[in-house]
Amino acid sequence: MSKKKRHWLWNVLIVLTLVLCFLAFLAHYKNWHKIEEGELKIMSGIYYQRIPLNEIDSLKMVEKVPELERSSGFSWMVAEKGVFIDSITDSKVHFFVDDLAQQKVKLVHHDSLLLFINFKDSLQTQNFFENLQLQVEQSNKPN
């Protein structure tokens, strides 16, 4: 019996697919955030938000998130990420939630836009909340 040799193109395609899947996992597996130059920058995979600190109207910790209709995004185990639509106000709500069971930071910006964020570690979420609250207070303080 003769062995059929697989074409090199298929091998390259398989390896590239695995590398792309791994990179997509790395980009989405956690929330990346940074507070610099008066802006809060949050990224998780293809979802990205840039919010000026002086446009943040309110911050608070919440236990549960409202039931919303998904516009784009995903849920996997305890993570919820993407853009959802609030059917009552017909506005977009951004989710960067790594663990639905833990407390989340509810951020209202630009008068009525919502964003929910938390991290796998509840202490990191608490530290993020306190740091962001301090930064918002400083940015809203008159000079």
N, C-alpha and C. Protein backbone atom coordinates (compact mmCIF):
# COMPACT_ATOMS: atom_id res chain seq x y z
N MET A 1 0.83 -1.19 0.00
CA MET A 1 0.00 0.00 0.00
C MET A 1 0.87 1.25 0.00
N SER A 2 0.47 2.17 -0.78
CA SER A 2 1.22 3.43 -0.81
C SER A 2 0.57 4.46 0.10
N LYS A 3 1.41 5.23 0.75
CA LYS A 3 0.93 6.31 1.63
C LYS A 3 0.68 7.56 0.80
N LYS A 4 -0.46 8.20 1.08
CA LYS A 4 -0.73 9.47 0.41
C LYS A 4 -0.07 10.58 1.22
N LYS A 5 0.60 11.45 0.52
CA LYS A 5 1.27 12.55 1.19
C LYS A 5 0.32 13.75 1.22
N ARG A 6 0.17 14.34 2.42
CA ARG A 6 -0.69 15.51 2.59
C ARG A 6 0.03 16.73 2.02
N HIS A 7 -0.72 17.55 1.35
CA HIS A 7 -0.15 18.74 0.74
C HIS A 7 0.30 19.71 1.82
N TRP A 8 1.41 20.39 1.62
CA TRP A 8 1.98 21.31 2.62
C TRP A 8 1.04 22.47 2.94
N LEU A 9 0.21 22.87 1.98
CA LEU A 9 -0.72 23.98 2.21
C LEU A 9 -1.70 23.67 3.34
N TRP A 10 -2.18 22.42 3.39
CA TRP A 10 -3.13 22.04 4.46
C TRP A 10 -2.45 22.10 5.82
N ASN A 11 -1.21 21.68 5.89
CA ASN A 11 -0.47 21.74 7.16
C ASN A 11 -0.31 23.18 7.63
N VAL A 12 0.05 24.07 6.73
CA VAL A 12 0.21 25.48 7.07
C VAL A 12 -1.13 26.06 7.51
N LEU A 13 -2.20 25.73 6.81
CA LEU A 13 -3.53 26.23 7.15
C LEU A 13 -3.98 25.76 8.53
N ILE A 14 -3.71 24.53 8.87
CA ILE A 14 -4.07 24.00 10.19
C ILE A 14 -3.29 24.73 11.29
N VAL A 15 -2.00 24.91 11.10
CA VAL A 15 -1.17 25.59 12.10
C VAL A 15 -1.62 27.05 12.26
N LEU A 16 -1.88 27.75 11.16
CA LEU A 16 -2.35 29.13 11.23
C LEU A 16 -3.69 29.25 11.96
N THR A 17 -4.58 28.31 11.72
CA THR A 17 -5.88 28.31 12.40
C THR A 17 -5.70 28.13 13.89
N LEU A 18 -4.85 27.22 14.30
CA LEU A 18 -4.60 27.01 15.73
C LEU A 18 -3.96 28.24 16.38
N VAL A 19 -3.04 28.87 15.68
CA VAL A 19 -2.40 30.07 16.22
C VAL A 19 -3.42 31.20 16.37
N LEU A 20 -4.28 31.40 15.37
CA LEU A 20 -5.31 32.44 15.45
C LEU A 20 -6.30 32.17 16.58
N CYS A 21 -6.70 30.93 16.76
CA CYS A 21 -7.61 30.58 17.86
C CYS A 21 -6.95 30.86 19.21
N PHE A 22 -5.69 30.55 19.34
CA PHE A 22 -4.97 30.80 20.59
C PHE A 22 -4.86 32.30 20.85
N LEU A 23 -4.57 33.09 19.82
CA LEU A 23 -4.47 34.54 19.99
C LEU A 23 -5.83 35.15 20.35
N ALA A 24 -6.89 34.65 19.76
CA ALA A 24 -8.24 35.14 20.11
C ALA A 24 -8.56 34.81 21.56
N PHE A 25 -8.18 33.63 22.01
CA PHE A 25 -8.40 33.27 23.42
C PHE A 25 -7.62 34.20 24.34
N LEU A 26 -6.35 34.47 24.02
CA LEU A 26 -5.54 35.36 24.86
C LEU A 26 -6.13 36.76 24.93
N ALA A 27 -6.67 37.24 23.83
CA ALA A 27 -7.22 38.60 23.80
C ALA A 27 -8.50 38.70 24.62
N HIS A 28 -9.29 37.62 24.71
CA HIS A 28 -10.58 37.66 25.39
C HIS A 28 -10.57 37.10 26.81
N TYR A 29 -9.53 36.42 27.21
CA TYR A 29 -9.60 35.68 28.47
C TYR A 29 -9.63 36.59 29.69
N LYS A 30 -9.24 37.84 29.55
CA LYS A 30 -9.33 38.77 30.67
C LYS A 30 -9.56 40.18 30.16
N ASN A 31 -9.97 41.05 31.06
CA ASN A 31 -10.18 42.45 30.72
C ASN A 31 -8.88 43.22 30.94
N TRP A 32 -8.51 43.99 29.95
CA TRP A 32 -7.32 44.82 30.03
C TRP A 32 -7.80 46.25 30.22
N HIS A 33 -7.26 46.93 31.21
CA HIS A 33 -7.70 48.30 31.47
C HIS A 33 -6.50 49.18 31.79
N LYS A 34 -6.72 50.49 31.54
CA LYS A 34 -5.66 51.45 31.80
C LYS A 34 -6.34 52.80 32.03
N ILE A 35 -5.85 53.53 33.01
CA ILE A 35 -6.32 54.89 33.23
C ILE A 35 -5.12 55.80 32.99
N GLU A 36 -5.21 56.57 31.90
CA GLU A 36 -4.13 57.48 31.57
C GLU A 36 -4.65 58.66 30.77
N GLU A 37 -3.98 59.79 30.93
CA GLU A 37 -4.31 61.02 30.20
C GLU A 37 -5.78 61.38 30.33
N GLY A 38 -6.36 61.17 31.51
CA GLY A 38 -7.75 61.55 31.75
C GLY A 38 -8.78 60.66 31.09
N GLU A 39 -8.38 59.44 30.71
CA GLU A 39 -9.30 58.51 30.06
C GLU A 39 -9.19 57.12 30.68
N LEU A 40 -10.32 56.43 30.71
CA LEU A 40 -10.37 55.02 31.08
C LEU A 40 -10.43 54.23 29.78
N LYS A 41 -9.49 53.33 29.61
CA LYS A 41 -9.46 52.49 28.41
C LYS A 41 -9.64 51.05 28.85
N ILE A 42 -10.65 50.39 28.28
CA ILE A 42 -10.95 49.00 28.61
C ILE A 42 -10.97 48.21 27.30
N MET A 43 -10.31 47.05 27.31
CA MET A 43 -10.29 46.20 26.13
C MET A 43 -10.42 44.75 26.53
N SER A 44 -11.19 44.04 25.78
CA SER A 44 -11.26 42.60 25.89
C SER A 44 -11.51 42.07 24.49
N GLY A 45 -10.47 41.55 23.87
CA GLY A 45 -10.60 41.06 22.50
C GLY A 45 -10.93 42.19 21.55
N ILE A 46 -12.03 42.04 20.81
CA ILE A 46 -12.41 43.06 19.84
C ILE A 46 -13.24 44.18 20.47
N TYR A 47 -13.60 44.02 21.73
CA TYR A 47 -14.43 45.03 22.41
C TYR A 47 -13.54 46.03 23.12
N TYR A 48 -13.74 47.30 22.81
CA TYR A 48 -12.86 48.36 23.30
C TYR A 48 -13.70 49.58 23.64
N GLN A 49 -13.43 50.19 24.78
CA GLN A 49 -14.12 51.41 25.19
C GLN A 49 -13.08 52.42 25.67
N ARG A 50 -13.25 53.66 25.27
CA ARG A 50 -12.42 54.78 25.73
C ARG A 50 -13.37 55.81 26.29
N ILE A 51 -13.29 56.04 27.59
CA ILE A 51 -14.23 56.94 28.25
C ILE A 51 -13.44 58.02 28.98
N PRO A 52 -13.66 59.29 28.63
CA PRO A 52 -13.02 60.38 29.38
C PRO A 52 -13.53 60.36 30.82
N LEU A 53 -12.63 60.55 31.78
CA LEU A 53 -13.01 60.50 33.19
C LEU A 53 -14.02 61.58 33.55
N ASN A 54 -13.95 62.72 32.90
CA ASN A 54 -14.91 63.79 33.22
C ASN A 54 -16.30 63.52 32.63
N GLU A 55 -16.45 62.49 31.80
CA GLU A 55 -17.75 62.10 31.25
C GLU A 55 -18.42 60.99 32.07
N ILE A 56 -17.75 60.50 33.11
CA ILE A 56 -18.33 59.46 33.96
C ILE A 56 -19.29 60.13 34.94
N ASP A 57 -20.55 59.73 34.87
CA ASP A 57 -21.59 60.33 35.70
C ASP A 57 -21.72 59.64 37.05
N SER A 58 -21.66 58.32 37.07
CA SER A 58 -21.77 57.62 38.35
C SER A 58 -21.06 56.29 38.29
N LEU A 59 -20.63 55.86 39.47
CA LEU A 59 -19.96 54.58 39.67
C LEU A 59 -20.57 53.92 40.88
N LYS A 60 -20.87 52.64 40.77
CA LYS A 60 -21.28 51.92 41.96
C LYS A 60 -21.08 50.43 41.76
N MET A 61 -21.01 49.71 42.87
CA MET A 61 -20.87 48.25 42.83
C MET A 61 -22.27 47.65 42.87
N VAL A 62 -22.51 46.65 42.01
CA VAL A 62 -23.80 45.97 41.97
C VAL A 62 -23.58 44.46 42.01
N GLU A 63 -24.57 43.76 42.52
CA GLU A 63 -24.50 42.29 42.59
C GLU A 63 -24.94 41.64 41.28
N LYS A 64 -26.03 42.16 40.70
CA LYS A 64 -26.61 41.54 39.52
C LYS A 64 -26.64 42.54 38.36
N VAL A 65 -26.63 41.99 37.18
CA VAL A 65 -26.78 42.82 35.99
C VAL A 65 -28.19 42.62 35.44
N PRO A 66 -28.74 43.63 34.76
CA PRO A 66 -30.09 43.48 34.22
C PRO A 66 -30.12 42.47 33.07
N GLU A 67 -31.29 41.92 32.81
CA GLU A 67 -31.46 41.01 31.68
C GLU A 67 -31.59 41.84 30.42
N LEU A 68 -30.69 41.63 29.49
CA LEU A 68 -30.65 42.42 28.26
C LEU A 68 -30.56 41.50 27.05
N GLU A 69 -30.83 42.06 25.89
CA GLU A 69 -30.75 41.32 24.64
C GLU A 69 -29.36 41.52 24.04
N ARG A 70 -28.71 40.43 23.66
CA ARG A 70 -27.35 40.51 23.13
C ARG A 70 -27.36 41.04 21.70
N SER A 71 -26.56 42.04 21.44
CA SER A 71 -26.38 42.56 20.09
C SER A 71 -25.18 41.87 19.44
N SER A 72 -24.08 41.84 20.18
CA SER A 72 -22.89 41.09 19.76
C SER A 72 -22.12 40.73 21.01
N GLY A 73 -21.41 39.66 20.96
CA GLY A 73 -20.65 39.25 22.13
C GLY A 73 -20.83 37.78 22.41
N PHE A 74 -20.45 37.38 23.63
CA PHE A 74 -20.54 35.97 23.98
C PHE A 74 -20.66 35.79 25.48
N SER A 75 -21.15 34.65 25.86
CA SER A 75 -21.18 34.20 27.24
C SER A 75 -20.50 32.85 27.25
N TRP A 76 -19.60 32.68 28.19
CA TRP A 76 -18.94 31.39 28.32
C TRP A 76 -18.69 31.14 29.79
N MET A 77 -19.29 30.08 30.31
CA MET A 77 -19.24 29.74 31.72
C MET A 77 -19.70 30.95 32.56
N VAL A 78 -18.79 31.64 33.23
CA VAL A 78 -19.19 32.78 34.08
C VAL A 78 -18.81 34.12 33.46
N ALA A 79 -18.29 34.12 32.25
CA ALA A 79 -17.88 35.37 31.58
C ALA A 79 -18.98 35.86 30.66
N GLU A 80 -19.09 37.15 30.56
CA GLU A 80 -20.09 37.80 29.69
C GLU A 80 -19.43 39.02 29.09
N LYS A 81 -19.25 39.03 27.78
CA LYS A 81 -18.55 40.16 27.15
C LYS A 81 -19.26 40.53 25.86
N GLY A 82 -19.31 41.82 25.61
CA GLY A 82 -19.90 42.28 24.37
C GLY A 82 -20.81 43.47 24.54
N VAL A 83 -21.63 43.68 23.52
CA VAL A 83 -22.57 44.79 23.49
C VAL A 83 -23.98 44.21 23.58
N PHE A 84 -24.76 44.75 24.50
CA PHE A 84 -26.12 44.31 24.71
C PHE A 84 -27.05 45.51 24.50
N ILE A 85 -28.31 45.25 24.24
CA ILE A 85 -29.29 46.30 24.02
C ILE A 85 -30.31 46.27 25.14
N ASP A 86 -30.52 47.43 25.75
CA ASP A 86 -31.57 47.58 26.76
C ASP A 86 -32.86 47.85 26.01
N SER A 87 -33.82 46.93 26.07
CA SER A 87 -35.05 47.05 25.28
C SER A 87 -35.94 48.19 25.77
N ILE A 88 -35.79 48.61 27.01
CA ILE A 88 -36.62 49.70 27.55
C ILE A 88 -36.16 51.05 27.01
N THR A 89 -34.86 51.31 27.12
CA THR A 89 -34.34 52.61 26.66
C THR A 89 -33.75 52.54 25.25
N ASP A 90 -33.66 51.35 24.69
CA ASP A 90 -33.09 51.12 23.36
C ASP A 90 -31.66 51.68 23.26
N SER A 91 -30.88 51.50 24.34
CA SER A 91 -29.51 51.99 24.35
C SER A 91 -28.54 50.81 24.48
N LYS A 92 -27.30 51.05 24.09
CA LYS A 92 -26.28 50.02 24.16
C LYS A 92 -25.71 49.94 25.57
N VAL A 93 -25.45 48.71 26.02
CA VAL A 93 -24.82 48.46 27.31
C VAL A 93 -23.61 47.57 27.03
N HIS A 94 -22.44 48.00 27.47
CA HIS A 94 -21.21 47.24 27.24
C HIS A 94 -20.90 46.38 28.47
N PHE A 95 -20.58 45.12 28.21
CA PHE A 95 -20.26 44.17 29.28
C PHE A 95 -18.80 43.74 29.15
N PHE A 96 -18.07 43.86 30.24
CA PHE A 96 -16.71 43.35 30.37
C PHE A 96 -16.67 42.58 31.68
N VAL A 97 -17.45 41.51 31.77
CA VAL A 97 -17.63 40.78 33.02
C VAL A 97 -16.89 39.45 32.94
N ASP A 98 -15.91 39.27 33.81
CA ASP A 98 -15.14 38.02 33.85
C ASP A 98 -15.79 36.98 34.75
N ASP A 99 -16.58 37.42 35.73
CA ASP A 99 -17.22 36.48 36.65
C ASP A 99 -18.58 37.02 37.08
N LEU A 100 -19.65 36.45 36.54
CA LEU A 100 -21.01 36.92 36.84
C LEU A 100 -21.39 36.76 38.30
N ALA A 101 -20.77 35.82 39.01
CA ALA A 101 -21.13 35.56 40.41
C ALA A 101 -20.61 36.65 41.36
N GLN A 102 -19.62 37.40 40.95
CA GLN A 102 -19.03 38.42 41.82
C GLN A 102 -19.65 39.79 41.55
N GLN A 103 -19.33 40.73 42.46
CA GLN A 103 -19.80 42.10 42.27
C GLN A 103 -19.21 42.71 41.02
N LYS A 104 -19.97 43.60 40.42
CA LYS A 104 -19.54 44.27 39.21
C LYS A 104 -19.57 45.78 39.42
N VAL A 105 -18.73 46.49 38.68
CA VAL A 105 -18.75 47.94 38.71
C VAL A 105 -19.73 48.38 37.62
N LYS A 106 -20.72 49.17 38.04
CA LYS A 106 -21.68 49.74 37.10
C LYS A 106 -21.25 51.18 36.86
N LEU A 107 -20.93 51.48 35.62
CA LEU A 107 -20.41 52.78 35.25
C LEU A 107 -21.40 53.44 34.29
N VAL A 108 -21.89 54.61 34.64
CA VAL A 108 -22.77 55.39 33.75
C VAL A 108 -21.94 56.54 33.20
N HIS A 109 -21.93 56.65 31.88
CA HIS A 109 -21.14 57.72 31.25
C HIS A 109 -21.94 58.37 30.13
N HIS A 110 -21.53 59.58 29.78
CA HIS A 110 -22.20 60.35 28.73
C HIS A 110 -23.71 60.41 28.97
N ASP A 111 -24.10 60.69 30.19
CA ASP A 111 -25.48 60.87 30.65
C ASP A 111 -26.28 59.59 30.81
N SER A 112 -26.20 58.63 29.88
CA SER A 112 -27.07 57.46 30.03
C SER A 112 -26.48 56.15 29.53
N LEU A 113 -25.25 56.14 29.07
CA LEU A 113 -24.66 54.89 28.58
C LEU A 113 -24.12 54.07 29.75
N LEU A 114 -24.37 52.78 29.70
CA LEU A 114 -23.96 51.88 30.79
C LEU A 114 -22.80 50.99 30.37
N LEU A 115 -21.98 50.66 31.35
CA LEU A 115 -20.89 49.72 31.17
C LEU A 115 -20.75 48.94 32.47
N PHE A 116 -20.67 47.62 32.37
CA PHE A 116 -20.43 46.77 33.53
C PHE A 116 -19.08 46.11 33.36
N ILE A 117 -18.29 46.11 34.45
CA ILE A 117 -16.96 45.50 34.38
C ILE A 117 -16.64 44.85 35.72
N ASN A 118 -15.99 43.71 35.66
CA ASN A 118 -15.34 43.13 36.83
C ASN A 118 -14.22 42.22 36.36
N PHE A 119 -13.48 41.70 37.32
CA PHE A 119 -12.33 40.86 37.01
C PHE A 119 -12.50 39.54 37.72
N LYS A 120 -11.69 38.55 37.37
CA LYS A 120 -11.78 37.24 38.02
C LYS A 120 -11.50 37.33 39.51
N ASP A 121 -10.62 38.23 39.89
CA ASP A 121 -10.26 38.42 41.29
C ASP A 121 -11.10 39.55 41.87
N SER A 122 -11.87 39.25 42.92
CA SER A 122 -12.75 40.27 43.51
C SER A 122 -11.97 41.42 44.13
N LEU A 123 -10.77 41.14 44.63
CA LEU A 123 -9.94 42.23 45.18
C LEU A 123 -9.47 43.18 44.09
N GLN A 124 -9.17 42.64 42.93
CA GLN A 124 -8.78 43.48 41.80
C GLN A 124 -9.95 44.36 41.37
N THR A 125 -11.16 43.80 41.39
CA THR A 125 -12.35 44.59 41.06
C THR A 125 -12.54 45.71 42.07
N GLN A 126 -12.39 45.41 43.35
CA GLN A 126 -12.55 46.41 44.40
C GLN A 126 -11.48 47.51 44.27
N ASN A 127 -10.23 47.11 44.03
CA ASN A 127 -9.15 48.09 43.85
C ASN A 127 -9.39 48.97 42.61
N PHE A 128 -9.85 48.35 41.54
CA PHE A 128 -10.16 49.09 40.32
C PHE A 128 -11.25 50.13 40.61
N PHE A 129 -12.31 49.72 41.32
CA PHE A 129 -13.42 50.61 41.66
C PHE A 129 -12.94 51.80 42.49
N GLU A 130 -12.16 51.52 43.53
CA GLU A 130 -11.67 52.60 44.40
C GLU A 130 -10.74 53.55 43.65
N ASN A 131 -9.84 53.00 42.84
CA ASN A 131 -8.91 53.82 42.07
C ASN A 131 -9.66 54.68 41.05
N LEU A 132 -10.62 54.08 40.36
CA LEU A 132 -11.39 54.81 39.37
C LEU A 132 -12.22 55.92 40.02
N GLN A 133 -12.80 55.62 41.17
CA GLN A 133 -13.59 56.61 41.90
C GLN A 133 -12.71 57.81 42.29
N LEU A 134 -11.52 57.53 42.76
CA LEU A 134 -10.57 58.58 43.13
C LEU A 134 -10.18 59.42 41.91
N GLN A 135 -9.88 58.75 40.81
CA GLN A 135 -9.49 59.45 39.58
C GLN A 135 -10.63 60.33 39.04
N VAL A 136 -11.86 59.82 39.12
CA VAL A 136 -13.02 60.59 38.64
C VAL A 136 -13.23 61.82 39.51
N GLU A 137 -13.10 61.65 40.83
CA GLU A 137 -13.25 62.79 41.73
C GLU A 137 -12.19 63.85 41.45
N GLN A 138 -10.96 63.43 41.20
CA GLN A 138 -9.88 64.37 40.91
C GLN A 138 -10.10 65.09 39.58
N SER A 139 -10.63 64.36 38.58
CA SER A 139 -10.83 64.99 37.27
C SER A 139 -12.01 65.96 37.28
N ASN A 140 -12.96 65.75 38.18
CA ASN A 140 -14.13 66.63 38.26
C ASN A 140 -13.92 67.80 39.22
N LYS A 141 -12.81 67.78 39.94
CA LYS A 141 -12.51 68.85 40.90
C LYS A 141 -12.15 70.12 40.14
N PRO A 142 -12.79 71.25 40.48
CA PRO A 142 -12.43 72.50 39.79
C PRO A 142 -11.01 72.93 40.12
N ASN A 143 -10.33 73.49 39.14
CA ASN A 143 -8.93 73.91 39.32
C ASN A 143 -8.83 75.20 40.04
